[in-house]
PDB file of all heavy atoms in Angstrom:
ATOM      1  N   SER A   1     108.720  92.580 111.481  1.00  0.00           N
ATOM      2  CA  SER A   1     107.845  93.664 111.044  1.00  0.00           C
ATOM      3  C   SER A   1     106.643  93.776 111.976  1.00  0.00           C
ATOM      4  O   SER A   1     106.087  92.764 112.422  1.00  0.00           O
ATOM      5  CB  SER A   1     107.376  93.377 109.613  1.00  0.00           C
ATOM      6  OG  SER A   1     106.776  94.501 109.021  1.00  0.00           O
ATOM      7  N   ILE A   2     106.232  95.013 112.273  1.00  0.00           N
ATOM      8  CA  ILE A   2     105.059  95.263 113.114  1.00  0.00           C
ATOM      9  C   ILE A   2     103.806  95.053 112.279  1.00  0.00           C
ATOM     10  O   ILE A   2     103.666  95.622 111.192  1.00  0.00           O
ATOM     11  CB  ILE A   2     105.106  96.689 113.676  1.00  0.00           C
ATOM     12  CG1 ILE A   2     106.349  96.873 114.546  1.00  0.00           C
ATOM     13  CG2 ILE A   2     103.835  97.015 114.452  1.00  0.00           C
ATOM     14  CD1 ILE A   2     106.614  98.323 114.928  1.00  0.00           C
ATOM     15  N   CYS A   3     102.875  94.254 112.795  1.00  0.00           N
ATOM     16  CA  CYS A   3     101.761  93.810 111.946  1.00  0.00           C
ATOM     17  C   CYS A   3     100.517  93.527 112.771  1.00  0.00           C
ATOM     18  O   CYS A   3     100.610  92.923 113.856  1.00  0.00           O
ATOM     19  CB  CYS A   3     102.207  92.545 111.207  1.00  0.00           C
ATOM     20  SG  CYS A   3     100.955  91.807 110.158  1.00  0.00           S
ATOM     21  N   HIS A   4      99.344  93.934 112.257  1.00  0.00           N
ATOM     22  CA  HIS A   4      98.063  93.644 112.926  1.00  0.00           C
ATOM     23  C   HIS A   4      98.227  93.841 114.429  1.00  0.00           C
ATOM     24  O   HIS A   4      98.048  92.921 115.229  1.00  0.00           O
ATOM     25  CB  HIS A   4      97.597  92.224 112.601  1.00  0.00           C
ATOM     26  CG  HIS A   4      97.204  92.032 111.174  1.00  0.00           C
ATOM     27  ND1 HIS A   4      96.042  92.554 110.639  1.00  0.00           N
ATOM     28  CD2 HIS A   4      97.818  91.375 110.159  1.00  0.00           C
ATOM     29  CE1 HIS A   4      95.959  92.221 109.356  1.00  0.00           C
ATOM     30  NE2 HIS A   4      97.025  91.519 109.043  1.00  0.00           N
ATOM     31  N   SER A   5      98.527  95.071 114.810  1.00  0.00           N
ATOM     32  CA  SER A   5      99.018  95.360 116.154  1.00  0.00           C
ATOM     33  C   SER A   5      98.243  96.497 116.800  1.00  0.00           C
ATOM     34  O   SER A   5      97.790  97.423 116.131  1.00  0.00           O
ATOM     35  CB  SER A   5     100.504  95.725 116.062  1.00  0.00           C
ATOM     36  OG  SER A   5     100.983  96.282 117.250  1.00  0.00           O
ATOM     37  N   GLU A   6      98.133  96.435 118.143  1.00  0.00           N
ATOM     38  CA  GLU A   6      97.549  97.503 118.949  1.00  0.00           C
ATOM     39  C   GLU A   6      98.629  98.378 119.589  1.00  0.00           C
ATOM     40  O   GLU A   6      98.332  99.173 120.476  1.00  0.00           O
ATOM     41  CB  GLU A   6      96.664  96.904 120.046  1.00  0.00           C
ATOM     42  CG  GLU A   6      95.295  96.460 119.578  1.00  0.00           C
ATOM     43  CD  GLU A   6      94.326  97.629 119.459  1.00  0.00           C
ATOM     44  OE1 GLU A   6      93.788  98.074 120.484  1.00  0.00           O
ATOM     45  OE2 GLU A   6      94.116  98.103 118.314  1.00  0.00           O
ATOM     46  N   ALA A   7      99.874  98.220 119.161  1.00  0.00           N
ATOM     47  CA  ALA A   7     100.973  98.981 119.765  1.00  0.00           C
ATOM     48  C   ALA A   7     100.763 100.482 119.580  1.00  0.00           C
ATOM     49  O   ALA A   7     100.262 100.936 118.555  1.00  0.00           O
ATOM     50  CB  ALA A   7     102.304  98.555 119.164  1.00  0.00           C
ATOM     51  N   MET A   8     101.176 101.232 120.613  1.00  0.00           N
ATOM     52  CA  MET A   8     101.212 102.689 120.533  1.00  0.00           C
ATOM     53  C   MET A   8     102.664 103.140 120.618  1.00  0.00           C
ATOM     54  O   MET A   8     103.578 102.314 120.647  1.00  0.00           O
ATOM     55  CB  MET A   8     100.349 103.291 121.644  1.00  0.00           C
ATOM     56  CG  MET A   8      98.880 102.894 121.560  1.00  0.00           C
ATOM     57  SD  MET A   8      98.033 103.424 120.033  1.00  0.00           S
ATOM     58  CE  MET A   8      97.864 105.179 120.329  1.00  0.00           C
ATOM     59  N   TYR A   9     102.884 104.455 120.630  1.00  0.00           N
ATOM     60  CA  TYR A   9     104.223 105.020 120.448  1.00  0.00           C
ATOM     61  C   TYR A   9     105.290 104.331 121.291  1.00  0.00           C
ATOM     62  O   TYR A   9     106.323 103.880 120.758  1.00  0.00           O
ATOM     63  CB  TYR A   9     104.192 106.513 120.760  1.00  0.00           C
ATOM     64  CG  TYR A   9     105.551 107.168 120.708  1.00  0.00           C
ATOM     65  CD1 TYR A   9     106.119 107.540 119.495  1.00  0.00           C
ATOM     66  CD2 TYR A   9     106.278 107.399 121.882  1.00  0.00           C
ATOM     67  CE1 TYR A   9     107.375 108.130 119.444  1.00  0.00           C
ATOM     68  CE2 TYR A   9     107.530 107.990 121.840  1.00  0.00           C
ATOM     69  CZ  TYR A   9     108.077 108.353 120.621  1.00  0.00           C
ATOM     70  OH  TYR A   9     109.324 108.918 120.577  1.00  0.00           O
ATOM     71  N   ASP A  10     105.111 104.249 122.609  1.00  0.00           N
ATOM     72  CA  ASP A  10     106.151 103.698 123.474  1.00  0.00           C
ATOM     73  C   ASP A  10     106.472 102.260 123.099  1.00  0.00           C
ATOM     74  O   ASP A  10     107.638 101.838 123.119  1.00  0.00           O
ATOM     75  CB  ASP A  10     105.725 103.770 124.943  1.00  0.00           C
ATOM     76  CG  ASP A  10     105.737 105.198 125.488  1.00  0.00           C
ATOM     77  OD1 ASP A  10     106.375 106.064 124.861  1.00  0.00           O
ATOM     78  OD2 ASP A  10     105.104 105.431 126.533  1.00  0.00           O
ATOM     79  N   GLU A  11     105.443 101.486 122.740  1.00  0.00           N
ATOM     80  CA  GLU A  11     105.665 100.078 122.381  1.00  0.00           C
ATOM     81  C   GLU A  11     106.336  99.958 121.013  1.00  0.00           C
ATOM     82  O   GLU A  11     107.161  99.067 120.797  1.00  0.00           O
ATOM     83  CB  GLU A  11     104.330  99.336 122.387  1.00  0.00           C
ATOM     84  CG  GLU A  11     103.732  99.187 123.770  1.00  0.00           C
ATOM     85  CD  GLU A  11     102.247  98.879 123.750  1.00  0.00           C
ATOM     86  OE1 GLU A  11     101.519  99.493 122.936  1.00  0.00           O
ATOM     87  OE2 GLU A  11     101.812  98.041 124.549  1.00  0.00           O
ATOM     88  N   VAL A  12     106.007 100.862 120.095  1.00  0.00           N
ATOM     89  CA  VAL A  12     106.679 100.844 118.788  1.00  0.00           C
ATOM     90  C   VAL A  12     108.156 101.169 118.954  1.00  0.00           C
ATOM     91  O   VAL A  12     109.026 100.520 118.362  1.00  0.00           O
ATOM     92  CB  VAL A  12     105.999 101.816 117.801  1.00  0.00           C
ATOM     93  CG1 VAL A  12     106.774 101.865 116.491  1.00  0.00           C
ATOM     94  CG2 VAL A  12     104.552 101.401 117.541  1.00  0.00           C
ATOM     95  N   ILE A  13     108.458 102.175 119.767  1.00  0.00           N
ATOM     96  CA  ILE A  13     109.850 102.529 120.010  1.00  0.00           C
ATOM     97  C   ILE A  13     110.582 101.352 120.667  1.00  0.00           C
ATOM     98  O   ILE A  13     111.711 101.006 120.278  1.00  0.00           O
ATOM     99  CB  ILE A  13     109.953 103.788 120.887  1.00  0.00           C
ATOM    100  CG1 ILE A  13     109.377 105.002 120.141  1.00  0.00           C
ATOM    101  CG2 ILE A  13     111.401 104.029 121.304  1.00  0.00           C
ATOM    102  CD1 ILE A  13     110.073 105.336 118.839  1.00  0.00           C
ATOM    103  N   GLU A  14     109.962 100.720 121.644  1.00  0.00           N
ATOM    104  CA  GLU A  14     110.581  99.558 122.282  1.00  0.00           C
ATOM    105  C   GLU A  14     110.788  98.435 121.269  1.00  0.00           C
ATOM    106  O   GLU A  14     111.821  97.751 121.286  1.00  0.00           O
ATOM    107  CB  GLU A  14     109.714  99.070 123.441  1.00  0.00           C
ATOM    108  CG  GLU A  14     110.351  97.939 124.226  1.00  0.00           C
ATOM    109  CD  GLU A  14     109.482  97.440 125.376  1.00  0.00           C
ATOM    110  OE1 GLU A  14     108.379  97.979 125.583  1.00  0.00           O
ATOM    111  OE2 GLU A  14     109.919  96.485 126.061  1.00  0.00           O
ATOM    112  N   ALA A  15     109.818  98.261 120.368  1.00  0.00           N
ATOM    113  CA  ALA A  15     109.967  97.230 119.328  1.00  0.00           C
ATOM    114  C   ALA A  15     111.178  97.537 118.443  1.00  0.00           C
ATOM    115  O   ALA A  15     111.961  96.636 118.114  1.00  0.00           O
ATOM    116  CB  ALA A  15     108.697  97.148 118.487  1.00  0.00           C
ATOM    117  N   CYS A  16     111.352  98.808 118.064  1.00  0.00           N
ATOM    118  CA  CYS A  16     112.520  99.183 117.255  1.00  0.00           C
ATOM    119  C   CYS A  16     113.814  98.854 117.986  1.00  0.00           C
ATOM    120  O   CYS A  16     114.792  98.413 117.373  1.00  0.00           O
ATOM    121  CB  CYS A  16     112.470 100.665 116.914  1.00  0.00           C
ATOM    122  SG  CYS A  16     111.113 101.156 115.839  1.00  0.00           S
ATOM    123  N   GLU A  17     113.820  99.049 119.296  1.00  0.00           N
ATOM    124  CA  GLU A  17     115.002  98.751 120.094  1.00  0.00           C
ATOM    125  C   GLU A  17     115.259  97.251 120.203  1.00  0.00           C
ATOM    126  O   GLU A  17     116.359  96.832 120.564  1.00  0.00           O
ATOM    127  CB  GLU A  17     114.848  99.351 121.491  1.00  0.00           C
ATOM    128  CG  GLU A  17     114.823 100.871 121.493  1.00  0.00           C
ATOM    129  CD  GLU A  17     114.385 101.459 122.824  1.00  0.00           C
ATOM    130  OE1 GLU A  17     113.795 100.725 123.657  1.00  0.00           O
ATOM    131  OE2 GLU A  17     114.617 102.670 123.034  1.00  0.00           O
ATOM    132  N   ASN A  18     114.253  96.458 119.877  1.00  0.00           N
ATOM    133  CA  ASN A  18     114.355  95.003 120.015  1.00  0.00           C
ATOM    134  C   ASN A  18     114.301  94.265 118.685  1.00  0.00           C
ATOM    135  O   ASN A  18     113.940  93.083 118.639  1.00  0.00           O
ATOM    136  CB  ASN A  18     113.262  94.490 120.956  1.00  0.00           C
ATOM    137  CG  ASN A  18     113.564  94.776 122.413  1.00  0.00           C
ATOM    138  OD1 ASN A  18     114.290  94.041 123.065  1.00  0.00           O
ATOM    139  ND2 ASN A  18     113.028  95.885 122.925  1.00  0.00           N
ATOM    140  N   GLY A  19     114.656  94.973 117.598  1.00  0.00           N
ATOM    141  CA  GLY A  19     114.866  94.280 116.338  1.00  0.00           C
ATOM    142  C   GLY A  19     113.839  94.502 115.253  1.00  0.00           C
ATOM    143  O   GLY A  19     114.049  94.084 114.115  1.00  0.00           O
ATOM    144  N   TYR A  20     112.711  95.144 115.553  1.00  0.00           N
ATOM    145  CA  TYR A  20     111.689  95.383 114.533  1.00  0.00           C
ATOM    146  C   TYR A  20     112.149  96.525 113.626  1.00  0.00           C
ATOM    147  O   TYR A  20     112.565  97.578 114.098  1.00  0.00           O
ATOM    148  CB  TYR A  20     110.355  95.738 115.172  1.00  0.00           C
ATOM    149  CG  TYR A  20     109.683  94.577 115.881  1.00  0.00           C
ATOM    150  CD1 TYR A  20     110.130  94.138 117.122  1.00  0.00           C
ATOM    151  CD2 TYR A  20     108.594  93.919 115.306  1.00  0.00           C
ATOM    152  CE1 TYR A  20     109.528  93.085 117.777  1.00  0.00           C
ATOM    153  CE2 TYR A  20     107.976  92.868 115.966  1.00  0.00           C
ATOM    154  CZ  TYR A  20     108.445  92.447 117.204  1.00  0.00           C
ATOM    155  OH  TYR A  20     107.836  91.390 117.848  1.00  0.00           O
ATOM    156  N   SER A  21     112.041  96.317 112.311  1.00  0.00           N
ATOM    157  CA  SER A  21     112.568  97.313 111.378  1.00  0.00           C
ATOM    158  C   SER A  21     111.579  97.705 110.277  1.00  0.00           C
ATOM    159  O   SER A  21     111.898  98.551 109.452  1.00  0.00           O
ATOM    160  CB  SER A  21     113.853  96.791 110.723  1.00  0.00           C
ATOM    161  OG  SER A  21     113.601  95.594 109.995  1.00  0.00           O
ATOM    162  N   MET A  22     110.398  97.100 110.259  1.00  0.00           N
ATOM    163  CA  MET A  22     109.409  97.396 109.222  1.00  0.00           C
ATOM    164  C   MET A  22     108.022  97.529 109.833  1.00  0.00           C
ATOM    165  O   MET A  22     107.767  97.075 110.955  1.00  0.00           O
ATOM    166  CB  MET A  22     109.382  96.282 108.152  1.00  0.00           C
ATOM    167  CG  MET A  22     110.612  96.158 107.304  1.00  0.00           C
ATOM    168  SD  MET A  22     110.391  94.966 105.926  1.00  0.00           S
ATOM    169  CE  MET A  22     109.259  95.888 104.855  1.00  0.00           C
ATOM    170  N   VAL A  23     107.126  98.136 109.053  1.00  0.00           N
ATOM    171  CA  VAL A  23     105.695  98.129 109.351  1.00  0.00           C
ATOM    172  C   VAL A  23     104.997  97.445 108.182  1.00  0.00           C
ATOM    173  O   VAL A  23     105.128  97.886 107.036  1.00  0.00           O
ATOM    174  CB  VAL A  23     105.136  99.542 109.557  1.00  0.00           C
ATOM    175  CG1 VAL A  23     103.627  99.468 109.816  1.00  0.00           C
ATOM    176  CG2 VAL A  23     105.845 100.252 110.705  1.00  0.00           C
ATOM    177  N   THR A  24     104.291  96.373 108.474  1.00  0.00           N
ATOM    178  CA  THR A  24     103.589  95.609 107.441  1.00  0.00           C
ATOM    179  C   THR A  24     102.337  96.362 106.995  1.00  0.00           C
ATOM    180  O   THR A  24     101.621  96.940 107.804  1.00  0.00           O
ATOM    181  CB  THR A  24     103.205  94.221 107.983  1.00  0.00           C
ATOM    182  OG1 THR A  24     104.408  93.527 108.340  1.00  0.00           O
ATOM    183  CG2 THR A  24     102.437  93.411 106.962  1.00  0.00           C
ATOM    184  N   HIS A  25     102.072  96.318 105.691  1.00  0.00           N
ATOM    185  CA  HIS A  25     100.963  97.036 105.033  1.00  0.00           C
ATOM    186  C   HIS A  25     100.530  98.275 105.828  1.00  0.00           C
ATOM    187  O   HIS A  25      99.534  98.296 106.517  1.00  0.00           O
ATOM    188  CB  HIS A  25      99.783  96.131 104.679  1.00  0.00           C
ATOM    189  CG  HIS A  25      99.322  95.138 105.709  1.00  0.00           C
ATOM    190  ND1 HIS A  25      99.116  95.433 107.032  1.00  0.00           N
ATOM    191  CD2 HIS A  25      98.988  93.826 105.573  1.00  0.00           C
ATOM    192  CE1 HIS A  25      98.676  94.374 107.663  1.00  0.00           C
ATOM    193  NE2 HIS A  25      98.600  93.381 106.809  1.00  0.00           N
ATOM    194  N   PHE A  26     101.339  99.319 105.657  1.00  0.00           N
ATOM    195  CA  PHE A  26     101.152 100.603 106.346  1.00  0.00           C
ATOM    196  C   PHE A  26      99.697 101.052 106.241  1.00  0.00           C
ATOM    197  O   PHE A  26      99.100 101.030 105.163  1.00  0.00           O
ATOM    198  CB  PHE A  26     102.085 101.628 105.705  1.00  0.00           C
ATOM    199  CG  PHE A  26     102.400 102.834 106.536  1.00  0.00           C
ATOM    200  CD1 PHE A  26     102.656 102.742 107.888  1.00  0.00           C
ATOM    201  CD2 PHE A  26     102.496 104.088 105.936  1.00  0.00           C
ATOM    202  CE1 PHE A  26     102.988 103.864 108.641  1.00  0.00           C
ATOM    203  CE2 PHE A  26     102.835 105.214 106.668  1.00  0.00           C
ATOM    204  CZ  PHE A  26     103.068 105.106 108.027  1.00  0.00           C
ATOM    205  N   TYR A  27      99.127 101.469 107.368  1.00  0.00           N
ATOM    206  CA  TYR A  27      97.748 101.906 107.557  1.00  0.00           C
ATOM    207  C   TYR A  27      96.779 100.741 107.746  1.00  0.00           C
ATOM    208  O   TYR A  27      95.729 100.918 108.365  1.00  0.00           O
ATOM    209  CB  TYR A  27      97.249 102.821 106.423  1.00  0.00           C
ATOM    210  CG  TYR A  27      97.700 104.248 106.560  1.00  0.00           C
ATOM    211  CD1 TYR A  27      98.910 104.673 106.029  1.00  0.00           C
ATOM    212  CD2 TYR A  27      96.925 105.186 107.238  1.00  0.00           C
ATOM    213  CE1 TYR A  27      99.341 105.985 106.166  1.00  0.00           C
ATOM    214  CE2 TYR A  27      97.346 106.502 107.381  1.00  0.00           C
ATOM    215  CZ  TYR A  27      98.559 106.889 106.847  1.00  0.00           C
ATOM    216  OH  TYR A  27      98.980 108.195 106.986  1.00  0.00           O
ATOM    217  N   SER A  28      97.051  99.569 107.230  1.00  0.00           N
ATOM    218  CA  SER A  28      96.143  98.428 107.401  1.00  0.00           C
ATOM    219  C   SER A  28      96.556  97.651 108.640  1.00  0.00           C
ATOM    220  O   SER A  28      97.701  97.209 108.757  1.00  0.00           O
ATOM    221  CB  SER A  28      96.193  97.507 106.177  1.00  0.00           C
ATOM    222  OG  SER A  28      95.756  98.176 105.012  1.00  0.00           O
ATOM    223  N   GLY A  29      95.626  97.492 109.585  1.00  0.00           N
ATOM    224  CA  GLY A  29      95.944  96.800 110.825  1.00  0.00           C
ATOM    225  C   GLY A  29      96.889  97.576 111.714  1.00  0.00           C
ATOM    226  O   GLY A  29      97.541  97.011 112.589  1.00  0.00           O
ATOM    227  N   ASN A  30      96.979  98.903 111.497  1.00  0.00           N
ATOM    228  CA  ASN A  30      97.859  99.765 112.287  1.00  0.00           C
ATOM    229  C   ASN A  30      97.033 100.659 113.210  1.00  0.00           C
ATOM    230  O   ASN A  30      95.887 101.001 112.887  1.00  0.00           O
ATOM    231  CB  ASN A  30      98.699 100.680 111.389  1.00  0.00           C
ATOM    232  CG  ASN A  30      99.673  99.970 110.475  1.00  0.00           C
ATOM    233  OD1 ASN A  30     100.287 100.593 109.637  1.00  0.00           O
ATOM    234  ND2 ASN A  30      99.837  98.661 110.613  1.00  0.00           N
ATOM    235  N   THR A  31      97.614 101.071 114.331  1.00  0.00           N
ATOM    236  CA  THR A  31      96.958 102.032 115.209  1.00  0.00           C
ATOM    237  C   THR A  31      97.253 103.462 114.756  1.00  0.00           C
ATOM    238  O   THR A  31      98.211 103.722 114.025  1.00  0.00           O
ATOM    239  CB  THR A  31      97.453 101.862 116.662  1.00  0.00           C
ATOM    240  OG1 THR A  31      98.884 101.879 116.672  1.00  0.00           O
ATOM    241  CG2 THR A  31      96.952 100.566 117.259  1.00  0.00           C
ATOM    242  N   PHE A  32      96.384 104.382 115.240  1.00  0.00           N
ATOM    243  CA  PHE A  32      96.499 105.801 114.898  1.00  0.00           C
ATOM    244  C   PHE A  32      96.499 106.640 116.185  1.00  0.00           C
ATOM    245  O   PHE A  32      96.302 106.111 117.288  1.00  0.00           O
ATOM    246  CB  PHE A  32      95.332 106.230 114.004  1.00  0.00           C
ATOM    247  CG  PHE A  32      95.218 105.458 112.729  1.00  0.00           C
ATOM    248  CD1 PHE A  32      94.502 104.267 112.686  1.00  0.00           C
ATOM    249  CD2 PHE A  32      95.837 105.894 111.574  1.00  0.00           C
ATOM    250  CE1 PHE A  32      94.397 103.547 111.506  1.00  0.00           C
ATOM    251  CE2 PHE A  32      95.742 105.177 110.385  1.00  0.00           C
ATOM    252  CZ  PHE A  32      95.015 104.000 110.356  1.00  0.00           C
TER     253      PHE A  32
END
């Protein structure tokens, strides 16, 4: 799960391609 992260779109997409399937506590510790 993506968590307490500075990832932006390209990195989130790459994370999905590498096994990440959730976002932990949506909006908290997330980038906008």
